[in-house]
C-alpha atoms as a PDB file:
ATOM      1  CA  MET A   1      23.709  17.659 -55.802  1.00  0.00           C
ATOM      2  CA  LYS A   2      25.090  18.639 -52.667  1.00  0.00           C
ATOM      3  CA  LYS A   3      21.779  20.541 -51.693  1.00  0.00           C
ATOM      4  CA  HIS A   4      19.774  17.351 -51.887  1.00  0.00           C
ATOM      5  CA  HIS A   5      22.195  15.475 -49.532  1.00  0.00           C
ATOM      6  CA  TYR A   6      21.649  18.301 -47.085  1.00  0.00           C
ATOM      7  CA  ILE A   7      18.063  18.486 -47.312  1.00  0.00           C
ATOM      8  CA  ILE A   8      18.062  14.285 -46.752  1.00  0.00           C
ATOM      9  CA  ALA A   9      20.405  14.802 -44.111  1.00  0.00           C
ATOM     10  CA  ALA A  10      18.214  17.395 -42.335  1.00  0.00           C
ATOM     11  CA  SER A  11      15.079  15.049 -42.685  1.00  0.00           C
ATOM     12  CA  LEU A  12      16.919  12.128 -41.031  1.00  0.00           C
ATOM     13  CA  ALA A  13      17.913  14.564 -38.104  1.00  0.00           C
ATOM     14  CA  PHE A  14      14.389  15.286 -37.509  1.00  0.00           C
ATOM     15  CA  THR A  15      12.900  12.157 -37.958  1.00  0.00           C
ATOM     16  CA  LEU A  16      15.474  10.797 -35.303  1.00  0.00           C
ATOM     17  CA  ALA A  17      14.960  13.569 -32.999  1.00  0.00           C
ATOM     18  CA  GLY A  18      11.089  12.899 -33.136  1.00  0.00           C
ATOM     19  CA  CYS A  19      11.722   9.084 -32.418  1.00  0.00           C
ATOM     20  CA  GLY A  20      13.889   9.874 -29.354  1.00  0.00           C
ATOM     21  CA  ALA A  21      11.171  11.920 -27.878  1.00  0.00           C
ATOM     22  CA  ILE A  22       8.865   8.853 -27.781  1.00  0.00           C
ATOM     23  CA  GLY A  23       8.017   7.852 -23.968  1.00  0.00           C
ATOM     24  CA  GLU A  24      10.177  10.654 -22.685  1.00  0.00           C
ATOM     25  CA  ASN A  25       8.867  12.888 -19.369  1.00  0.00           C
ATOM     26  CA  ALA A  26       9.077  16.327 -20.036  1.00  0.00           C
ATOM     27  CA  SER A  27       6.747  17.332 -17.345  1.00  0.00           C
ATOM     28  CA  LEU A  28       7.588  18.000 -13.407  1.00  0.00           C
ATOM     29  CA  TYR A  29       5.826  14.480 -12.398  1.00  0.00           C
ATOM     30  CA  SER A  30       8.070  11.226 -12.285  1.00  0.00           C
ATOM     31  CA  THR A  31       6.813   8.242 -13.819  1.00  0.00           C
ATOM     32  CA  ASN A  32       8.220   6.066 -10.987  1.00  0.00           C
ATOM     33  CA  GLN A  33       5.636   6.207  -8.862  1.00  0.00           C
ATOM     34  CA  PRO A  34       5.228   3.988  -5.740  1.00  0.00           C
ATOM     35  CA  VAL A  35       2.918   0.740  -6.693  1.00  0.00           C
ATOM     36  CA  VAL A  36       0.769  -0.976  -3.563  1.00  0.00           C
ATOM     37  CA  THR A  37       0.618  -4.635  -3.491  1.00  0.00           C
ATOM     38  CA  ARG A  38      -1.806  -6.668  -1.274  1.00  0.00           C
ATOM     39  CA  THR A  39      -1.250 -10.329  -0.056  1.00  0.00           C
ATOM     40  CA  ASN A  40      -4.009 -12.205   1.851  1.00  0.00           C
ATOM     41  CA  TYR A  41      -3.362 -14.775   4.362  1.00  0.00           C
ATOM     42  CA  ALA A  42      -5.985 -17.202   5.412  1.00  0.00           C
ATOM     43  CA  ILE A  43      -6.955 -19.922   8.050  1.00  0.00           C
ATOM     44  CA  ASP A  44      -9.807 -21.686   8.818  1.00  0.00           C
ATOM     45  CA  LEU A  45     -10.787 -22.340  12.307  1.00  0.00           C
ATOM     46  CA  ASN A  46     -13.355 -25.043  13.601  1.00  0.00           C
ATOM     47  CA  MET A  47     -16.475 -23.312  15.782  1.00  0.00           C
ATOM     48  CA  ASP A  48     -19.338 -24.166  17.862  1.00  0.00           C
ATOM     49  CA  SER A  49     -21.994 -22.487  19.610  1.00  0.00           C
ATOM     50  CA  SER A  50     -19.591 -21.233  22.229  1.00  0.00           C
ATOM     51  CA  GLY A  51     -17.125 -20.004  19.834  1.00  0.00           C
ATOM     52  CA  VAL A  52     -13.697 -21.103  19.104  1.00  0.00           C
ATOM     53  CA  SER A  53     -12.137 -23.907  21.234  1.00  0.00           C
ATOM     54  CA  GLU A  54      -9.080 -23.630  23.201  1.00  0.00           C
ATOM     55  CA  SER A  55      -7.207 -25.544  20.987  1.00  0.00           C
ATOM     56  CA  GLU A  56      -8.398 -23.207  17.866  1.00  0.00           C
ATOM     57  CA  LYS A  57      -7.134 -20.278  20.008  1.00  0.00           C
ATOM     58  CA  VAL A  58      -3.869 -21.599  20.592  1.00  0.00           C
ATOM     59  CA  ARG A  59      -3.430 -22.368  16.865  1.00  0.00           C
ATOM     60  CA  ILE A  60      -4.817 -19.003  15.619  1.00  0.00           C
ATOM     61  CA  GLY A  61      -2.608 -17.213  18.187  1.00  0.00           C
ATOM     62  CA  GLU A  62       0.449 -19.079  16.834  1.00  0.00           C
ATOM     63  CA  TRP A  63      -0.695 -17.865  13.451  1.00  0.00           C
ATOM     64  CA  PHE A  64      -0.788 -14.448  14.501  1.00  0.00           C
ATOM     65  CA  ASP A  65       2.686 -14.511  16.001  1.00  0.00           C
ATOM     66  CA  ALA A  66       4.146 -16.114  12.969  1.00  0.00           C
ATOM     67  CA  LEU A  67       2.790 -13.303  10.542  1.00  0.00           C
ATOM     68  CA  ASP A  68       4.296 -10.719  13.081  1.00  0.00           C
ATOM     69  CA  LEU A  69       1.280  -8.718  12.940  1.00  0.00           C
ATOM     70  CA  GLY A  70       2.026  -4.698  12.613  1.00  0.00           C
ATOM     71  CA  TYR A  71       0.383  -1.341  11.951  1.00  0.00           C
ATOM     72  CA  GLY A  72      -1.364  -1.462   8.614  1.00  0.00           C
ATOM     73  CA  ASP A  73      -2.224  -5.021   8.608  1.00  0.00           C
ATOM     74  CA  ARG A  74      -5.803  -5.678   8.383  1.00  0.00           C
ATOM     75  CA  ILE A  75      -7.707  -8.728  10.099  1.00  0.00           C
ATOM     76  CA  ALA A  76     -11.518  -9.675   9.116  1.00  0.00           C
ATOM     77  CA  LEU A  77     -13.426 -12.890   9.619  1.00  0.00           C
ATOM     78  CA  ASP A  78     -15.412 -14.659   6.730  1.00  0.00           C
ATOM     79  CA  PHE A  79     -18.208 -16.845   7.880  1.00  0.00           C
ATOM     80  CA  GLY A  80     -18.995 -17.748   4.290  1.00  0.00           C
ATOM     81  CA  GLY A  81     -22.856 -17.980   3.651  1.00  0.00           C
ATOM     82  CA  GLY A  82     -23.578 -19.012   7.242  1.00  0.00           C
ATOM     83  CA  TYR A  83     -24.780 -16.642  10.172  1.00  0.00           C
ATOM     84  CA  PRO A  84     -21.890 -14.840  11.787  1.00  0.00           C
ATOM     85  CA  SER A  85     -21.032 -16.123  15.338  1.00  0.00           C
ATOM     86  CA  ALA A  86     -20.863 -13.360  17.767  1.00  0.00           C
ATOM     87  CA  ALA A  87     -19.113 -15.716  20.299  1.00  0.00           C
ATOM     88  CA  ALA A  88     -16.312 -16.857  17.671  1.00  0.00           C
ATOM     89  CA  GLN A  89     -15.981 -13.250  16.576  1.00  0.00           C
ATOM     90  CA  GLN A  90     -15.363 -12.011  20.194  1.00  0.00           C
ATOM     91  CA  ASP A  91     -12.642 -14.947  20.796  1.00  0.00           C
ATOM     92  CA  VAL A  92     -10.870 -13.930  17.522  1.00  0.00           C
ATOM     93  CA  ALA A  93     -11.174 -10.101  18.359  1.00  0.00           C
ATOM     94  CA  GLN A  94      -9.504 -10.679  22.054  1.00  0.00           C
ATOM     95  CA  LEU A  95      -6.606 -12.332  20.457  1.00  0.00           C
ATOM     96  CA  ALA A  96      -6.211  -9.766  17.829  1.00  0.00           C
ATOM     97  CA  ALA A  97      -6.655  -6.949  20.817  1.00  0.00           C
ATOM     98  CA  GLU A  98      -4.004  -8.824  22.560  1.00  0.00           C
ATOM     99  CA  ARG A  99      -1.486  -8.026  19.767  1.00  0.00           C
ATOM    100  CA  GLY A 100      -2.739  -4.371  19.280  1.00  0.00           C
ATOM    101  CA  MET A 101      -5.204  -5.256  16.271  1.00  0.00           C
ATOM    102  CA  LEU A 102      -8.683  -4.601  15.527  1.00  0.00           C
ATOM    103  CA  LEU A 103     -10.982  -6.853  13.376  1.00  0.00           C
ATOM    104  CA  LYS A 104     -12.426  -5.001  10.030  1.00  0.00           C
ATOM    105  CA  LYS A 105     -16.043  -5.236   9.253  1.00  0.00           C
ATOM    106  CA  THR A 106     -15.722  -6.798   5.577  1.00  0.00           C
ATOM    107  CA  ALA A 107     -13.385  -9.721   4.548  1.00  0.00           C
ATOM    108  CA  PRO A 108     -11.508  -9.650   1.273  1.00  0.00           C
ATOM    109  CA  VAL A 109     -12.634 -12.457  -1.335  1.00  0.00           C
ATOM    110  CA  THR A 110     -10.201 -15.564  -0.883  1.00  0.00           C
ATOM    111  CA  ALA A 111      -9.902 -18.644  -2.848  1.00  0.00           C
ATOM    112  CA  GLY A 112     -12.026 -21.875  -1.899  1.00  0.00           C
ATOM    113  CA  ASN A 113     -15.367 -21.938  -0.064  1.00  0.00           C
ATOM    114  CA  VAL A 114     -15.916 -21.626   3.658  1.00  0.00           C
ATOM    115  CA  LEU A 115     -17.340 -24.499   5.096  1.00  0.00           C
ATOM    116  CA  PRO A 116     -20.107 -24.806   7.421  1.00  0.00           C
ATOM    117  CA  GLY A 117     -18.990 -24.941  11.242  1.00  0.00           C
ATOM    118  CA  THR A 118     -15.950 -23.064  10.307  1.00  0.00           C
ATOM    119  CA  VAL A 119     -14.841 -19.383  10.137  1.00  0.00           C
ATOM    120  CA  ARG A 120     -12.070 -18.039   8.098  1.00  0.00           C
ATOM    121  CA  VAL A 121      -9.726 -15.430   9.539  1.00  0.00           C
ATOM    122  CA  VAL A 122      -7.993 -13.223   6.839  1.00  0.00           C
ATOM    123  CA  VAL A 123      -4.939 -11.058   7.379  1.00  0.00           C
ATOM    124  CA  THR A 124      -4.649  -8.657   4.684  1.00  0.00           C
ATOM    125  CA  ARG A 125      -1.091  -7.124   4.043  1.00  0.00           C
ATOM    126  CA  SER A 126      -0.162  -4.358   1.672  1.00  0.00           C
ATOM    127  CA  GLU A 127       3.716  -3.480   0.629  1.00  0.00           C
ATOM    128  CA  ALA A 128       4.493  -0.501  -1.343  1.00  0.00           C
ATOM    129  CA  SER A 129       7.603  -0.379  -3.654  1.00  0.00           C
ATOM    130  CA  VAL A 130       8.637   1.462  -6.723  1.00  0.00           C
ATOM    131  CA  PRO A 131       9.058  -1.003  -9.961  1.00  0.00           C
ATOM    132  CA  ASN A 132      12.089  -0.513 -12.278  1.00  0.00           C
ATOM    133  CA  CYS A 133      14.160   1.738  -9.736  1.00  0.00           C
ATOM    134  CA  PRO A 134      17.215   2.440  -9.943  1.00  0.00           C
ATOM    135  CA  ASN A 135      16.585   3.172 -13.471  1.00  0.00           C
ATOM    136  CA  TRP A 136      20.133   4.192 -15.081  1.00  0.00           C
ATOM    137  CA  SER A 137      18.947   2.818 -18.770  1.00  0.00           C
ATOM    138  CA  LYS A 138      20.333   6.345 -19.806  1.00  0.00           C
ATOM    139  CA  TYR A 139      23.693   7.735 -18.608  1.00  0.00           C
ATOM    140  CA  SER A 140      24.050  10.817 -20.765  1.00  0.00           C
ATOM    141  CA  ASP A 141      22.405  11.707 -23.846  1.00  0.00           C
ATOM    142  CA  THR A 142      21.462  14.644 -26.109  1.00  0.00           C
ATOM    143  CA  ASN A 143      18.658  16.667 -24.440  1.00  0.00           C
ATOM    144  CA  PHE A 144      17.254  19.343 -26.108  1.00  0.00           C
ATOM    145  CA  ASN A 145      13.836  19.374 -24.702  1.00  0.00           C
ATOM    146  CA  SER A 146      14.800  19.059 -20.731  1.00  0.00           C
ATOM    147  CA  TYR A 147      13.433  15.783 -20.583  1.00  0.00           C
ATOM    148  CA  ASN A 148      13.564  14.103 -16.917  1.00  0.00           C
ATOM    149  CA  SER A 149      15.996  11.400 -16.358  1.00  0.00           C
ATOM    150  CA  PRO A 150      14.690   7.904 -16.308  1.00  0.00           C
ATOM    151  CA  ASN A 151      15.664   7.703 -12.941  1.00  0.00           C
ATOM    152  CA  TYR A 152      14.063  10.659 -11.874  1.00  0.00           C
ATOM    153  CA  GLY A 153      11.812  10.281  -8.758  1.00  0.00           C
ATOM    154  CA  CYS A 154      13.388   6.998  -7.685  1.00  0.00           C
ATOM    155  CA  ALA A 155      15.171   8.047  -4.636  1.00  0.00           C
ATOM    156  CA  THR A 156      12.216  10.297  -3.278  1.00  0.00           C
ATOM    157  CA  ASN A 157       9.400   7.672  -4.115  1.00  0.00           C
ATOM    158  CA  SER A 158      11.387   4.561  -2.813  1.00  0.00           C
ATOM    159  CA  ASN A 159      12.265   6.470   0.291  1.00  0.00           C
ATOM    160  CA  LEU A 160       8.449   7.404   0.715  1.00  0.00           C
ATOM    161  CA  ALA A 161       7.551   3.660  -0.244  1.00  0.00           C
ATOM    162  CA  SER A 162       9.599   2.404   2.648  1.00  0.00           C
ATOM    163  CA  MET A 163       9.107   4.704   5.159  1.00  0.00           C
ATOM    164  CA  VAL A 164       5.382   5.037   5.241  1.00  0.00           C
ATOM    165  CA  ALA A 165       3.614   3.155   8.266  1.00  0.00           C
ATOM    166  CA  ASP A 166       0.232   2.006   6.262  1.00  0.00           C
ATOM    167  CA  PRO A 167       0.836   1.597   2.435  1.00  0.00           C
ATOM    168  CA  GLU A 168      -2.726   1.797   1.897  1.00  0.00           C
ATOM    169  CA  ASP A 169      -2.461   5.438   2.681  1.00  0.00           C
ATOM    170  CA  LEU A 170      -0.962   5.985  -0.718  1.00  0.00           C
ATOM    171  CA  VAL A 171      -4.014   4.608  -2.331  1.00  0.00           C
ATOM    172  CA  ARG A 172      -7.051   6.172  -0.615  1.00  0.00           C
ATOM    173  CA  GLY A 173      -5.369   8.699   2.375  1.00  0.00           C
ATOM    174  CA  LYS A 174      -6.261   8.104   5.813  1.00  0.00           C
ATOM    175  CA  GLU A 175     -10.029   8.531   6.630  1.00  0.00           C
ATOM    176  CA  ALA A 176     -10.983  10.735   9.614  1.00  0.00           C
ATOM    177  CA  GLY A 177     -12.251   8.858  12.722  1.00  0.00           C
ATOM    178  CA  PRO A 178     -13.155   9.326  16.202  1.00  0.00           C
ATOM    179  CA  ASP A 179      -9.230   9.102  17.118  1.00  0.00           C
ATOM    180  CA  THR A 180      -8.314  11.726  14.675  1.00  0.00           C
ATOM    181  CA  ASP A 181     -11.124  14.217  14.448  1.00  0.00           C
ATOM    182  CA  GLY A 182      -9.673  17.571  16.077  1.00  0.00           C
ATOM    183  CA  ARG A 183      -6.118  16.558  16.561  1.00  0.00           C
ATOM    184  CA  GLY A 184      -4.973  18.152  13.401  1.00  0.00           C
ATOM    185  CA  ASN A 185      -7.133  21.182  14.023  1.00  0.00           C
ATOM    186  CA  VAL A 186      -5.561  21.747  17.639  1.00  0.00           C
ATOM    187  CA  ALA A 187      -1.956  21.381  16.066  1.00  0.00           C
ATOM    188  CA  VAL A 188      -2.741  23.829  13.575  1.00  0.00           C
ATOM    189  CA  GLU A 189      -4.595  26.241  16.109  1.00  0.00           C
ATOM    190  CA  ALA A 190      -1.593  25.726  18.180  1.00  0.00           C
ATOM    191  CA  TYR A 191       0.931  26.799  15.503  1.00  0.00           C
ATOM    192  CA  ARG A 192      -1.020  29.657  14.405  1.00  0.00           C
ATOM    193  CA  ASN A 193      -1.560  31.137  18.007  1.00  0.00           C
ATOM    194  CA  LYS A 194       2.300  30.560  18.485  1.00  0.00           C
ATOM    195  CA  ARG A 195       1.473  28.385  21.356  1.00  0.00           C
ATOM    196  CA  THR A 196       3.596  25.648  20.345  1.00  0.00           C
ATOM    197  CA  GLY A 197       6.400  26.575  23.096  1.00  0.00           C
ATOM    198  CA  ASP A 198       3.744  26.064  25.971  1.00  0.00           C
ATOM    199  CA  ASN A 199       4.026  22.239  25.657  1.00  0.00           C
ATOM    200  CA  PRO A 200       7.371  20.506  26.599  1.00  0.00           C
END
């Protein structure tokens, strides 16, 4: 009789151990990864053959200042189905340049139609965060399989998400361009040739 009790107890122990393993992370990767969210801000401006009027320039300038544009923000123009106005594009590009920003070629899709005679200015802003962190759902428990704590990776990835200048770099990385080509190679060559001390 006692033998049957031992078998049943052992079976229950293995069953509970198996249930506890569901959703556990035994890898070297953290389940708490940064998530990048994008928000589009849009404003419609009236335009004519000469571009954007002075009053509209003041309005878009104040809008830019209210958004506190910074590195990582993306500005694009949407002319709807109409013909793009080079004059309006130049006017908005100049206002953006005064704030250290450049216009992107493609605007994201936004709600509503762009009316004829107007241009929609879209500012896309990305933010990075790590959901469910910190996670102290388990303070201590029996762990025979070296599972990671639910809070594993929260500190490192939260710091990364808060420090990265452009959250989009966490999604697709930084594409090489005219301003970046060669700079990394020069730094690597200087390091390899031990010439890092030559420059103050």
